Amino acid sequence: MTNLSKAPLRVAAALALALSGLTASAAMAEDIAPALLYDLGGKFDRSFNENAYYGAVEFQEETGIAFRDFEPTNEAQREQALRRFASSGGDPIVTIGFSWAAVMEKVAPDFPDTKFVVVDTFVDLPNVQSVEFRYNEGAYLVGALAGLTTETGTVGFVGGMDIPIIRDFSCAYRHGAESVNAEVAVLENMTGTTPSAWADPARGRELALGQYDRGADIVFAAAGGTTMGILQASADADKLSIGVGVNQNGIQPGHVLTSATSEVGRAVYLAFKAAADGTWEPGLNSLGLAEEAVGWVIDDNNRALVSAETEAKVNGIRDAIVAGDIKVPSYFETDSCPK
């Protein structure tokens, strides 16, 4: 990663390029100049960041209102980028990932007339909208699928950075598997404890192969860009994996059982659109199965891996969650998830 202190000119140039054109866009609708700031791992991580990007692209294509974006390469760039976008007229400014929370709490009060959005965490400020996905609901579903599909009786989970939201994925995945297969064993590893854990496919592959060696025949990846290594491991070991964030079924066709999807891009699109329409509001926006914001995917790439009977069972569980008949455990709310 680039060290900000060693490359101030490079960072300034990147920010200047990203910020160019904000003023021109601002006059087009409700004085908005939408901006999108990604998490570490890169815009095209084939996961959450990329999903966010395409949501912004959808808004731009639909409205003709251009957006600007920025990819931080280290933690030190976050505050500089957020402050520069805000001071240059960016509005609304959407940030992707919990790691923006501390910076948002510091910067947003200095720009009270700017609309900020933070995805995957909560910031309680009058000009900030927080978007949180009920990832545990989607993880529970793919856990149930894994429990119904495993032939060895052992499934695995590889997370990215060891943080509460990934623990929430892991907890719900385990409970989902156990709900349909009381004897199932669930292995778990986290890639690391720093943000670099989101972009370490080699380590992800190593951890997944280790779980396959220990008897797992399905491994769920909730690891950002690191997920690519886990999906690769499933192909190398001739086993199954479960993707995350976006539909990753086609990355290793025949080896990706399904993908636990979350519509991060939809959240970006809706934030931009609400600002353009004049309907944007601060506060917490929680999205889950009922809002069709999380789910699982069946397509041509994994159709042969999931029987009609299994598909019906998983969709029945989905419907029961939406109806409130199944309460999905959450790391944040229950003692049933190890802390």
C-alpha atoms as a PDB file:
ATOM      1  CA  MET A   1       0.000   0.000   0.000  1.00  0.00           C
ATOM      2  CA  THR A   2       1.117   3.562  -0.652  1.00  0.00           C
ATOM      3  CA  ASN A   3       2.172   5.531   2.401  1.00  0.00           C
ATOM      4  CA  LEU A   4       0.426   8.915   2.328  1.00  0.00           C
ATOM      5  CA  SER A   5       3.334  10.681   4.009  1.00  0.00           C
ATOM      6  CA  LYS A   6       5.651   9.507   1.246  1.00  0.00           C
ATOM      7  CA  ALA A   7       3.405  10.371  -1.652  1.00  0.00           C
ATOM      8  CA  PRO A   8       1.496  13.629  -0.976  1.00  0.00           C
ATOM      9  CA  LEU A   9       1.683  14.795  -4.571  1.00  0.00           C
ATOM     10  CA  ARG A  10       0.347  11.515  -5.880  1.00  0.00           C
ATOM     11  CA  VAL A  11      -2.612  11.537  -3.500  1.00  0.00           C
ATOM     12  CA  ALA A  12      -3.351  15.204  -4.190  1.00  0.00           C
ATOM     13  CA  ALA A  13      -3.318  14.548  -7.917  1.00  0.00           C
ATOM     14  CA  ALA A  14      -5.689  11.600  -7.577  1.00  0.00           C
ATOM     15  CA  LEU A  15      -8.075  13.630  -5.446  1.00  0.00           C
ATOM     16  CA  ALA A  16      -7.930  16.573  -7.829  1.00  0.00           C
ATOM     17  CA  LEU A  17      -8.858  14.320 -10.745  1.00  0.00           C
ATOM     18  CA  ALA A  18     -11.703  12.750  -8.803  1.00  0.00           C
ATOM     19  CA  LEU A  19     -13.028  16.107  -7.666  1.00  0.00           C
ATOM     20  CA  SER A  20     -12.963  17.742 -11.106  1.00  0.00           C
ATOM     21  CA  GLY A  21     -16.409  18.374 -12.466  1.00  0.00           C
ATOM     22  CA  LEU A  22     -18.243  18.429  -9.150  1.00  0.00           C
ATOM     23  CA  THR A  23     -19.305  22.041  -9.618  1.00  0.00           C
ATOM     24  CA  ALA A  24     -20.630  21.336 -13.119  1.00  0.00           C
ATOM     25  CA  SER A  25     -22.758  18.444 -11.876  1.00  0.00           C
ATOM     26  CA  ALA A  26     -24.133  20.411  -8.953  1.00  0.00           C
ATOM     27  CA  ALA A  27     -26.391  22.598 -11.050  1.00  0.00           C
ATOM     28  CA  MET A  28     -28.162  19.687 -12.730  1.00  0.00           C
ATOM     29  CA  ALA A  29     -30.599  18.561 -10.023  1.00  0.00           C
ATOM     30  CA  GLU A  30     -31.229  19.872  -6.536  1.00  0.00           C
ATOM     31  CA  ASP A  31     -27.659  21.168  -6.547  1.00  0.00           C
ATOM     32  CA  ILE A  32     -26.304  17.664  -6.079  1.00  0.00           C
ATOM     33  CA  ALA A  33     -22.811  16.534  -6.964  1.00  0.00           C
ATOM     34  CA  PRO A  34     -22.758  12.859  -5.986  1.00  0.00           C
ATOM     35  CA  ALA A  35     -19.544  11.271  -4.824  1.00  0.00           C
ATOM     36  CA  LEU A  36     -18.607   7.717  -3.884  1.00  0.00           C
ATOM     37  CA  LEU A  37     -15.653   6.789  -1.670  1.00  0.00           C
ATOM     38  CA  TYR A  38     -14.761   3.111  -1.592  1.00  0.00           C
ATOM     39  CA  ASP A  39     -13.266   0.964   1.123  1.00  0.00           C
ATOM     40  CA  LEU A  40      -9.811  -0.570   0.839  1.00  0.00           C
ATOM     41  CA  GLY A  41      -9.602  -3.415  -1.647  1.00  0.00           C
ATOM     42  CA  GLY A  42     -10.179  -1.416  -4.815  1.00  0.00           C
ATOM     43  CA  LYS A  43     -13.142  -0.363  -6.922  1.00  0.00           C
ATOM     44  CA  PHE A  44     -13.157  -3.575  -8.916  1.00  0.00           C
ATOM     45  CA  ASP A  45     -12.857  -6.059  -6.054  1.00  0.00           C
ATOM     46  CA  ARG A  46     -15.631  -8.229  -7.570  1.00  0.00           C
ATOM     47  CA  SER A  47     -17.454  -7.745  -4.269  1.00  0.00           C
ATOM     48  CA  PHE A  48     -18.822  -4.863  -2.169  1.00  0.00           C
ATOM     49  CA  ASN A  49     -16.881  -1.985  -3.722  1.00  0.00           C
ATOM     50  CA  GLU A  50     -17.707  -3.074  -7.246  1.00  0.00           C
ATOM     51  CA  ASN A  51     -21.353  -3.498  -6.324  1.00  0.00           C
ATOM     52  CA  ALA A  52     -21.354   0.070  -5.003  1.00  0.00           C
ATOM     53  CA  TYR A  53     -19.724   1.345  -8.181  1.00  0.00           C
ATOM     54  CA  TYR A  54     -22.374  -0.168 -10.435  1.00  0.00           C
ATOM     55  CA  GLY A  55     -25.122   1.337  -8.318  1.00  0.00           C
ATOM     56  CA  ALA A  56     -23.593   4.745  -8.944  1.00  0.00           C
ATOM     57  CA  VAL A  57     -23.265   3.943 -12.640  1.00  0.00           C
ATOM     58  CA  GLU A  58     -26.953   3.016 -12.791  1.00  0.00           C
ATOM     59  CA  PHE A  59     -27.872   6.378 -11.283  1.00  0.00           C
ATOM     60  CA  GLN A  60     -25.602   8.244 -13.690  1.00  0.00           C
ATOM     61  CA  GLU A  61     -26.987   6.438 -16.736  1.00  0.00           C
ATOM     62  CA  GLU A  62     -30.573   7.004 -15.639  1.00  0.00           C
ATOM     63  CA  THR A  63     -30.263  10.684 -14.744  1.00  0.00           C
ATOM     64  CA  GLY A  64     -27.284  11.978 -16.682  1.00  0.00           C
ATOM     65  CA  ILE A  65     -25.831  13.303 -13.409  1.00  0.00           C
ATOM     66  CA  ALA A  66     -22.164  12.395 -13.224  1.00  0.00           C
ATOM     67  CA  PHE A  67     -20.618  11.081 -10.031  1.00  0.00           C
ATOM     68  CA  ARG A  68     -17.025  11.177  -8.883  1.00  0.00           C
ATOM     69  CA  ASP A  69     -15.273   8.493  -6.899  1.00  0.00           C
ATOM     70  CA  PHE A  70     -12.059   7.762  -5.049  1.00  0.00           C
ATOM     71  CA  GLU A  71     -10.195   4.595  -4.044  1.00  0.00           C
ATOM     72  CA  PRO A  72      -8.152   4.959  -0.848  1.00  0.00           C
ATOM     73  CA  THR A  73      -5.039   2.815  -0.689  1.00  0.00           C
ATOM     74  CA  ASN A  74      -4.379   3.252   3.029  1.00  0.00           C
ATOM     75  CA  GLU A  75      -6.163   4.409   6.162  1.00  0.00           C
ATOM     76  CA  ALA A  76      -4.417   7.783   6.255  1.00  0.00           C
ATOM     77  CA  GLN A  77      -6.145   8.877   3.039  1.00  0.00           C
ATOM     78  CA  ARG A  78      -9.684   8.595   4.389  1.00  0.00           C
ATOM     79  CA  GLU A  79      -9.967  11.912   6.207  1.00  0.00           C
ATOM     80  CA  GLN A  80      -8.145  13.841   3.499  1.00  0.00           C
ATOM     81  CA  ALA A  81     -10.416  12.438   0.804  1.00  0.00           C
ATOM     82  CA  LEU A  82     -13.665  12.978   2.707  1.00  0.00           C
ATOM     83  CA  ARG A  83     -12.720  16.523   3.664  1.00  0.00           C
ATOM     84  CA  ARG A  84     -11.594  17.418   0.157  1.00  0.00           C
ATOM     85  CA  PHE A  85     -14.762  16.083  -1.474  1.00  0.00           C
ATOM     86  CA  ALA A  86     -16.948  17.938   1.025  1.00  0.00           C
ATOM     87  CA  SER A  87     -15.059  21.217   0.740  1.00  0.00           C
ATOM     88  CA  SER A  88     -15.209  21.003  -3.062  1.00  0.00           C
ATOM     89  CA  GLY A  89     -18.991  20.704  -3.149  1.00  0.00           C
ATOM     90  CA  GLY A  90     -19.589  16.971  -3.143  1.00  0.00           C
ATOM     91  CA  ASP A  91     -23.166  16.285  -2.013  1.00  0.00           C
ATOM     92  CA  PRO A  92     -24.247  13.632  -1.270  1.00  0.00           C
ATOM     93  CA  ILE A  93     -21.073  11.780  -0.364  1.00  0.00           C
ATOM     94  CA  VAL A  94     -21.447   8.028   0.074  1.00  0.00           C
ATOM     95  CA  THR A  95     -18.745   6.020   1.843  1.00  0.00           C
ATOM     96  CA  ILE A  96     -18.489   2.235   1.732  1.00  0.00           C
ATOM     97  CA  GLY A  97     -17.510   0.251   4.804  1.00  0.00           C
ATOM     98  CA  PHE A  98     -17.456   0.480   8.586  1.00  0.00           C
ATOM     99  CA  SER A  99     -13.923   1.899   8.552  1.00  0.00           C
ATOM    100  CA  TRP A 100     -15.289   5.287   7.470  1.00  0.00           C
ATOM    101  CA  ALA A 101     -17.199   5.734  10.751  1.00  0.00           C
ATOM    102  CA  ALA A 102     -14.505   7.482  12.800  1.00  0.00           C
ATOM    103  CA  VAL A 103     -13.593   9.806   9.942  1.00  0.00           C
ATOM    104  CA  MET A 104     -17.260  10.566   9.273  1.00  0.00           C
ATOM    105  CA  GLU A 105     -17.795  11.506  12.929  1.00  0.00           C
ATOM    106  CA  LYS A 106     -14.885  13.910  12.663  1.00  0.00           C
ATOM    107  CA  VAL A 107     -15.566  15.488   9.260  1.00  0.00           C
ATOM    108  CA  ALA A 108     -19.357  15.625   8.880  1.00  0.00           C
ATOM    109  CA  PRO A 109     -19.912  18.187  11.688  1.00  0.00           C
ATOM    110  CA  ASP A 110     -17.625  20.598   9.820  1.00  0.00           C
ATOM    111  CA  PHE A 111     -19.978  20.490   6.800  1.00  0.00           C
ATOM    112  CA  PRO A 112     -23.493  20.639   8.308  1.00  0.00           C
ATOM    113  CA  ASP A 113     -25.162  21.397   4.961  1.00  0.00           C
ATOM    114  CA  THR A 114     -23.632  18.381   3.203  1.00  0.00           C
ATOM    115  CA  LYS A 115     -25.462  15.079   3.036  1.00  0.00           C
ATOM    116  CA  PHE A 116     -23.259  12.128   3.989  1.00  0.00           C
ATOM    117  CA  VAL A 117     -24.040   8.419   3.756  1.00  0.00           C
ATOM    118  CA  VAL A 118     -22.076   5.620   5.415  1.00  0.00           C
ATOM    119  CA  VAL A 119     -22.685   1.981   4.510  1.00  0.00           C
ATOM    120  CA  ASP A 120     -22.189  -0.877   6.985  1.00  0.00           C
ATOM    121  CA  THR A 121     -22.053   1.128  10.192  1.00  0.00           C
ATOM    122  CA  PHE A 122     -24.010   3.687  12.203  1.00  0.00           C
ATOM    123  CA  VAL A 123     -23.036   7.324  12.701  1.00  0.00           C
ATOM    124  CA  ASP A 124     -25.480   9.374  14.755  1.00  0.00           C
ATOM    125  CA  LEU A 125     -25.223  12.844  13.237  1.00  0.00           C
ATOM    126  CA  PRO A 126     -27.969  15.098  11.820  1.00  0.00           C
ATOM    127  CA  ASN A 127     -26.469  15.173   8.314  1.00  0.00           C
ATOM    128  CA  VAL A 128     -25.533  11.474   8.052  1.00  0.00           C
ATOM    129  CA  GLN A 129     -27.607   8.580   6.767  1.00  0.00           C
ATOM    130  CA  SER A 130     -26.405   5.159   7.937  1.00  0.00           C
ATOM    131  CA  VAL A 131     -27.219   2.116   5.807  1.00  0.00           C
ATOM    132  CA  GLU A 132     -26.922  -1.248   7.525  1.00  0.00           C
ATOM    133  CA  PHE A 133     -27.679  -4.545   5.850  1.00  0.00           C
ATOM    134  CA  ARG A 134     -29.079  -7.464   7.776  1.00  0.00           C
ATOM    135  CA  TYR A 135     -26.308  -9.650   6.409  1.00  0.00           C
ATOM    136  CA  ASN A 136     -27.121 -12.281   9.008  1.00  0.00           C
ATOM    137  CA  GLU A 137     -30.351 -13.090   7.160  1.00  0.00           C
ATOM    138  CA  GLY A 138     -28.543 -13.890   3.910  1.00  0.00           C
ATOM    139  CA  ALA A 139     -25.791 -15.757   5.765  1.00  0.00           C
ATOM    140  CA  TYR A 140     -28.404 -17.883   7.532  1.00  0.00           C
ATOM    141  CA  LEU A 141     -29.878 -18.873   4.170  1.00  0.00           C
ATOM    142  CA  VAL A 142     -26.562 -19.944   2.633  1.00  0.00           C
ATOM    143  CA  GLY A 143     -25.764 -21.743   5.894  1.00  0.00           C
ATOM    144  CA  ALA A 144     -28.973 -23.715   5.508  1.00  0.00           C
ATOM    145  CA  LEU A 145     -28.041 -24.467   1.908  1.00  0.00           C
ATOM    146  CA  ALA A 146     -24.615 -25.678   3.019  1.00  0.00           C
ATOM    147  CA  GLY A 147     -26.158 -27.835   5.746  1.00  0.00           C
ATOM    148  CA  LEU A 148     -28.527 -29.427   3.253  1.00  0.00           C
ATOM    149  CA  THR A 149     -25.804 -29.969   0.640  1.00  0.00           C
ATOM    150  CA  THR A 150     -22.731 -31.149   2.558  1.00  0.00           C
ATOM    151  CA  GLU A 151     -21.742 -34.765   2.030  1.00  0.00           C
ATOM    152  CA  THR A 152     -18.980 -34.824   4.643  1.00  0.00           C
ATOM    153  CA  GLY A 153     -20.977 -33.243   7.456  1.00  0.00           C
ATOM    154  CA  THR A 154     -18.408 -30.454   7.765  1.00  0.00           C
ATOM    155  CA  VAL A 155     -18.612 -26.967   6.282  1.00  0.00           C
ATOM    156  CA  GLY A 156     -16.331 -23.964   6.634  1.00  0.00           C
ATOM    157  CA  PHE A 157     -16.304 -20.201   6.948  1.00  0.00           C
ATOM    158  CA  VAL A 158     -13.436 -17.832   6.080  1.00  0.00           C
ATOM    159  CA  GLY A 159     -13.933 -14.205   7.036  1.00  0.00           C
ATOM    160  CA  GLY A 160     -11.914 -11.176   6.075  1.00  0.00           C
ATOM    161  CA  MET A 161     -11.023  -8.740   8.842  1.00  0.00           C
ATOM    162  CA  ASP A 162     -12.037 -10.025  12.265  1.00  0.00           C
ATOM    163  CA  ILE A 163     -14.715  -7.452  13.125  1.00  0.00           C
ATOM    164  CA  PRO A 164     -18.236  -7.718  14.573  1.00  0.00           C
ATOM    165  CA  ILE A 165     -20.009  -7.559  11.215  1.00  0.00           C
ATOM    166  CA  ILE A 166     -18.046 -10.565   9.940  1.00  0.00           C
ATOM    167  CA  ARG A 167     -18.702 -12.363  13.213  1.00  0.00           C
ATOM    168  CA  ASP A 168     -22.373 -11.709  12.456  1.00  0.00           C
ATOM    169  CA  PHE A 169     -21.979 -13.459   9.080  1.00  0.00           C
ATOM    170  CA  SER A 170     -20.255 -16.398  10.760  1.00  0.00           C
ATOM    171  CA  CYS A 171     -22.789 -16.737  13.578  1.00  0.00           C
ATOM    172  CA  ALA A 172     -25.808 -16.743  11.270  1.00  0.00           C
ATOM    173  CA  TYR A 173     -24.126 -19.107   8.799  1.00  0.00           C
ATOM    174  CA  ARG A 174     -23.465 -21.623  11.587  1.00  0.00           C
ATOM    175  CA  HIS A 175     -27.024 -21.361  12.917  1.00  0.00           C
ATOM    176  CA  GLY A 176     -28.455 -21.723   9.425  1.00  0.00           C
ATOM    177  CA  ALA A 177     -26.458 -24.899   8.821  1.00  0.00           C
ATOM    178  CA  GLU A 178     -27.398 -26.318  12.212  1.00  0.00           C
ATOM    179  CA  SER A 179     -31.073 -25.521  11.690  1.00  0.00           C
ATOM    180  CA  VAL A 180     -31.302 -28.159   8.937  1.00  0.00           C
ATOM    181  CA  ASN A 181     -28.475 -30.467   9.994  1.00  0.00           C
ATOM    182  CA  ALA A 182     -28.049 -30.815  13.751  1.00  0.00           C
ATOM    183  CA  GLU A 183     -24.858 -32.883  13.388  1.00  0.00           C
ATOM    184  CA  VAL A 184     -23.005 -30.514  11.055  1.00  0.00           C
ATOM    185  CA  ALA A 185     -19.552 -29.255  12.086  1.00  0.00           C
ATOM    186  CA  VAL A 186     -18.604 -25.686  11.158  1.00  0.00           C
ATOM    187  CA  LEU A 187     -14.945 -24.668  10.834  1.00  0.00           C
ATOM    188  CA  GLU A 188     -14.003 -20.991  11.042  1.00  0.00           C
ATOM    189  CA  ASN A 189     -10.999 -18.815  10.246  1.00  0.00           C
ATOM    190  CA  MET A 190     -10.526 -15.065   9.930  1.00  0.00           C
ATOM    191  CA  THR A 191      -7.965 -13.741   7.476  1.00  0.00           C
ATOM    192  CA  GLY A 192      -6.573 -11.052   9.775  1.00  0.00           C
ATOM    193  CA  THR A 193      -7.171  -8.196  12.173  1.00  0.00           C
ATOM    194  CA  THR A 194      -6.251  -5.235   9.940  1.00  0.00           C
ATOM    195  CA  PRO A 195      -7.885  -3.829   6.779  1.00  0.00           C
ATOM    196  CA  SER A 196      -5.325  -5.656   4.632  1.00  0.00           C
ATOM    197  CA  ALA A 197      -7.356  -8.797   5.378  1.00  0.00           C
ATOM    198  CA  TRP A 198      -9.853  -7.648   2.734  1.00  0.00           C
ATOM    199  CA  ALA A 199      -7.253  -7.884  -0.041  1.00  0.00           C
ATOM    200  CA  ASP A 200      -5.231 -11.043   0.610  1.00  0.00           C
ATOM    201  CA  PRO A 201      -6.454 -13.751  -1.783  1.00  0.00           C
ATOM    202  CA  ALA A 202      -3.328 -15.854  -1.223  1.00  0.00           C
ATOM    203  CA  ARG A 203      -4.066 -16.095   2.494  1.00  0.00           C
ATOM    204  CA  GLY A 204      -7.745 -16.741   1.792  1.00  0.00           C
ATOM    205  CA  ARG A 205      -6.825 -19.627  -0.499  1.00  0.00           C
ATOM    206  CA  GLU A 206      -4.484 -21.046   2.134  1.00  0.00           C
ATOM    207  CA  LEU A 207      -7.145 -20.929   4.843  1.00  0.00           C
ATOM    208  CA  ALA A 208      -9.800 -22.494   2.626  1.00  0.00           C
ATOM    209  CA  LEU A 209      -7.493 -25.313   1.531  1.00  0.00           C
ATOM    210  CA  GLY A 210      -6.759 -25.959   5.192  1.00  0.00           C
ATOM    211  CA  GLN A 211     -10.474 -26.327   5.907  1.00  0.00           C
ATOM    212  CA  TYR A 212     -10.924 -28.672   2.939  1.00  0.00           C
ATOM    213  CA  ASP A 213      -8.049 -30.758   4.293  1.00  0.00           C
ATOM    214  CA  ARG A 214      -9.882 -30.952   7.628  1.00  0.00           C
ATOM    215  CA  GLY A 215     -12.992 -32.384   6.004  1.00  0.00           C
ATOM    216  CA  ALA A 216     -15.046 -29.412   4.864  1.00  0.00           C
ATOM    217  CA  ASP A 217     -16.599 -29.776   1.438  1.00  0.00           C
ATOM    218  CA  ILE A 218     -18.194 -26.286   1.358  1.00  0.00           C
ATOM    219  CA  VAL A 219     -16.542 -23.024   2.473  1.00  0.00           C
ATOM    220  CA  PHE A 220     -18.383 -19.704   2.743  1.00  0.00           C
ATOM    221  CA  ALA A 221     -16.229 -16.654   2.085  1.00  0.00           C
ATOM    222  CA  ALA A 222     -17.100 -13.277   3.616  1.00  0.00           C
ATOM    223  CA  ALA A 223     -13.827 -11.570   2.893  1.00  0.00           C
ATOM    224  CA  GLY A 224     -14.027  -8.820   0.265  1.00  0.00           C
ATOM    225  CA  GLY A 225     -11.258  -9.172  -2.332  1.00  0.00           C
ATOM    226  CA  THR A 226      -9.771 -12.062  -0.333  1.00  0.00           C
ATOM    227  CA  THR A 227     -12.808 -14.066  -1.426  1.00  0.00           C
ATOM    228  CA  MET A 228     -11.200 -14.591  -4.839  1.00  0.00           C
ATOM    229  CA  GLY A 229      -8.564 -16.837  -3.260  1.00  0.00           C
ATOM    230  CA  ILE A 230     -11.210 -18.870  -1.446  1.00  0.00           C
ATOM    231  CA  LEU A 231     -13.193 -19.431  -4.622  1.00  0.00           C
ATOM    232  CA  GLN A 232      -9.976 -20.458  -6.354  1.00  0.00           C
ATOM    233  CA  ALA A 233      -9.274 -22.939  -3.563  1.00  0.00           C
ATOM    234  CA  SER A 234     -12.620 -24.631  -4.146  1.00  0.00           C
ATOM    235  CA  ALA A 235     -11.698 -25.219  -7.772  1.00  0.00           C
ATOM    236  CA  ASP A 236      -8.187 -26.384  -6.872  1.00  0.00           C
ATOM    237  CA  ALA A 237      -9.529 -28.860  -4.293  1.00  0.00           C
ATOM    238  CA  ASP A 238     -12.533 -29.860  -6.412  1.00  0.00           C
ATOM    239  CA  LYS A 239     -14.841 -28.777  -3.595  1.00  0.00           C
ATOM    240  CA  LEU A 240     -17.534 -26.111  -3.202  1.00  0.00           C
ATOM    241  CA  SER A 241     -17.443 -22.502  -2.036  1.00  0.00           C
ATOM    242  CA  ILE A 242     -20.012 -19.780  -1.417  1.00  0.00           C
ATOM    243  CA  GLY A 243     -19.378 -16.267  -2.700  1.00  0.00           C
ATOM    244  CA  VAL A 244     -20.377 -12.987  -1.109  1.00  0.00           C
ATOM    245  CA  GLY A 245     -21.526  -9.467  -1.877  1.00  0.00           C
ATOM    246  CA  VAL A 246     -22.382  -9.904  -5.548  1.00  0.00           C
ATOM    247  CA  ASN A 247     -23.253 -12.893  -7.712  1.00  0.00           C
ATOM    248  CA  GLN A 248     -19.922 -14.727  -7.902  1.00  0.00           C
ATOM    249  CA  ASN A 249     -21.347 -18.014  -9.186  1.00  0.00           C
ATOM    250  CA  GLY A 250     -19.597 -17.604 -12.528  1.00  0.00           C
ATOM    251  CA  ILE A 251     -16.093 -17.004 -11.171  1.00  0.00           C
ATOM    252  CA  GLN A 252     -15.414 -20.727 -10.683  1.00  0.00           C
ATOM    253  CA  PRO A 253     -18.430 -22.313 -12.404  1.00  0.00           C
ATOM    254  CA  GLY A 254     -19.367 -25.664 -10.963  1.00  0.00           C
ATOM    255  CA  HIS A 255     -17.525 -24.962  -7.722  1.00  0.00           C
ATOM    256  CA  VAL A 256     -19.480 -21.992  -6.345  1.00  0.00           C
ATOM    257  CA  LEU A 257     -22.585 -23.400  -4.660  1.00  0.00           C
ATOM    258  CA  THR A 258     -24.220 -19.959  -4.471  1.00  0.00           C
ATOM    259  CA  SER A 259     -23.488 -16.362  -3.475  1.00  0.00           C
ATOM    260  CA  ALA A 260     -24.804 -14.472  -0.467  1.00  0.00           C
ATOM    261  CA  THR A 261     -25.682 -11.198  -2.121  1.00  0.00           C
ATOM    262  CA  SER A 262     -26.284  -7.750  -0.693  1.00  0.00           C
ATOM    263  CA  GLU A 263     -27.492  -4.837  -2.751  1.00  0.00           C
ATOM    264  CA  VAL A 264     -24.870  -2.287  -1.754  1.00  0.00           C
ATOM    265  CA  GLY A 265     -25.187  -0.788  -5.209  1.00  0.00           C
ATOM    266  CA  ARG A 266     -28.904  -0.334  -4.669  1.00  0.00           C
ATOM    267  CA  ALA A 267     -28.192   1.567  -1.466  1.00  0.00           C
ATOM    268  CA  VAL A 268     -25.839   3.888  -3.359  1.00  0.00           C
ATOM    269  CA  TYR A 269     -28.378   4.391  -6.134  1.00  0.00           C
ATOM    270  CA  LEU A 270     -31.177   5.183  -3.683  1.00  0.00           C
ATOM    271  CA  ALA A 271     -29.020   7.632  -1.715  1.00  0.00           C
ATOM    272  CA  PHE A 272     -28.111   9.549  -4.855  1.00  0.00           C
ATOM    273  CA  LYS A 273     -31.691   9.471  -6.132  1.00  0.00           C
ATOM    274  CA  ALA A 274     -33.172  10.663  -2.834  1.00  0.00           C
ATOM    275  CA  ALA A 275     -30.761  13.591  -2.827  1.00  0.00           C
ATOM    276  CA  ALA A 276     -31.723  14.457  -6.406  1.00  0.00           C
ATOM    277  CA  ASP A 277     -35.444  14.166  -5.591  1.00  0.00           C
ATOM    278  CA  GLY A 278     -35.171  16.206  -2.421  1.00  0.00           C
ATOM    279  CA  THR A 279     -36.364  13.279  -0.282  1.00  0.00           C
ATOM    280  CA  TRP A 280     -33.070  12.340   1.384  1.00  0.00           C
ATOM    281  CA  GLU A 281     -33.206  11.960   5.171  1.00  0.00           C
ATOM    282  CA  PRO A 282     -30.581  11.243   7.816  1.00  0.00           C
ATOM    283  CA  GLY A 283     -30.841   8.379  10.286  1.00  0.00           C
ATOM    284  CA  LEU A 284     -30.672   4.596  10.106  1.00  0.00           C
ATOM    285  CA  ASN A 285     -31.822   2.627   7.070  1.00  0.00           C
ATOM    286  CA  SER A 286     -31.868  -1.150   7.717  1.00  0.00           C
ATOM    287  CA  LEU A 287     -32.162  -3.464   4.701  1.00  0.00           C
ATOM    288  CA  GLY A 288     -32.665  -7.227   4.629  1.00  0.00           C
ATOM    289  CA  LEU A 289     -34.635 -10.062   3.057  1.00  0.00           C
ATOM    290  CA  ALA A 290     -37.965  -8.269   3.333  1.00  0.00           C
ATOM    291  CA  GLU A 291     -36.558  -5.373   1.312  1.00  0.00           C
ATOM    292  CA  GLU A 292     -34.952  -7.808  -1.177  1.00  0.00           C
ATOM    293  CA  ALA A 293     -31.620  -6.255  -0.244  1.00  0.00           C
ATOM    294  CA  VAL A 294     -29.911  -9.538   0.715  1.00  0.00           C
ATOM    295  CA  GLY A 295     -30.396 -13.035  -0.632  1.00  0.00           C
ATOM    296  CA  TRP A 296     -28.917 -16.006  -2.453  1.00  0.00           C
ATOM    297  CA  VAL A 297     -28.553 -16.742  -6.153  1.00  0.00           C
ATOM    298  CA  ILE A 298     -29.518 -19.575  -8.492  1.00  0.00           C
ATOM    299  CA  ASP A 299     -28.399 -19.196 -12.105  1.00  0.00           C
ATOM    300  CA  ASP A 300     -26.974 -21.272 -14.964  1.00  0.00           C
ATOM    301  CA  ASN A 301     -23.597 -21.495 -13.234  1.00  0.00           C
ATOM    302  CA  ASN A 302     -24.854 -23.322 -10.147  1.00  0.00           C
ATOM    303  CA  ARG A 303     -28.174 -24.776 -11.273  1.00  0.00           C
ATOM    304  CA  ALA A 304     -26.766 -28.303 -11.405  1.00  0.00           C
ATOM    305  CA  LEU A 305     -25.448 -28.021  -7.832  1.00  0.00           C
ATOM    306  CA  VAL A 306     -28.788 -27.290  -6.148  1.00  0.00           C
ATOM    307  CA  SER A 307     -31.695 -29.707  -6.426  1.00  0.00           C
ATOM    308  CA  ALA A 308     -35.234 -28.429  -6.816  1.00  0.00           C
ATOM    309  CA  GLU A 309     -36.068 -29.897  -3.421  1.00  0.00           C
ATOM    310  CA  THR A 310     -33.177 -28.087  -1.733  1.00  0.00           C
ATOM    311  CA  GLU A 311     -34.019 -24.835  -3.483  1.00  0.00           C
ATOM    312  CA  ALA A 312     -37.612 -25.076  -2.257  1.00  0.00           C
ATOM    313  CA  LYS A 313     -36.455 -25.726   1.319  1.00  0.00           C
ATOM    314  CA  VAL A 314     -34.108 -22.730   1.331  1.00  0.00           C
ATOM    315  CA  ASN A 315     -36.750 -20.466  -0.171  1.00  0.00           C
ATOM    316  CA  GLY A 316     -39.201 -21.709   2.446  1.00  0.00           C
ATOM    317  CA  ILE A 317     -36.748 -20.643   5.141  1.00  0.00           C
ATOM    318  CA  ARG A 318     -36.422 -17.270   3.430  1.00  0.00           C
ATOM    319  CA  ASP A 319     -40.193 -16.804   3.445  1.00  0.00           C
ATOM    320  CA  ALA A 320     -40.368 -17.776   7.127  1.00  0.00           C
ATOM    321  CA  ILE A 321     -37.725 -15.194   8.011  1.00  0.00           C
ATOM    322  CA  VAL A 322     -39.604 -12.478   6.118  1.00  0.00           C
ATOM    323  CA  ALA A 323     -42.845 -13.479   7.839  1.00  0.00           C
ATOM    324  CA  GLY A 324     -41.175 -13.316  11.231  1.00  0.00           C
ATOM    325  CA  ASP A 325     -41.607 -17.020  11.922  1.00  0.00           C
ATOM    326  CA  ILE A 326     -37.822 -17.531  12.102  1.00  0.00           C
ATOM    327  CA  LYS A 327     -35.724 -15.130  14.138  1.00  0.00           C
ATOM    328  CA  VAL A 328     -32.202 -15.137  12.741  1.00  0.00           C
ATOM    329  CA  PRO A 329     -29.544 -14.939  15.464  1.00  0.00           C
ATOM    330  CA  SER A 330     -27.343 -11.856  15.421  1.00  0.00           C
ATOM    331  CA  TYR A 331     -23.885 -11.405  16.880  1.00  0.00           C
ATOM    332  CA  PHE A 332     -25.056  -7.982  18.037  1.00  0.00           C
ATOM    333  CA  GLU A 333     -28.171  -9.127  19.853  1.00  0.00           C
ATOM    334  CA  THR A 334     -27.795 -12.626  21.297  1.00  0.00           C
ATOM    335  CA  ASP A 335     -25.635 -14.773  23.524  1.00  0.00           C
ATOM    336  CA  SER A 336     -25.950 -17.614  21.019  1.00  0.00           C
ATOM    337  CA  CYS A 337     -23.085 -16.147  19.010  1.00  0.00           C
ATOM    338  CA  PRO A 338     -19.601 -16.452  20.580  1.00  0.00           C
ATOM    339  CA  LYS A 339     -18.009 -13.110  21.401  1.00  0.00           C
END
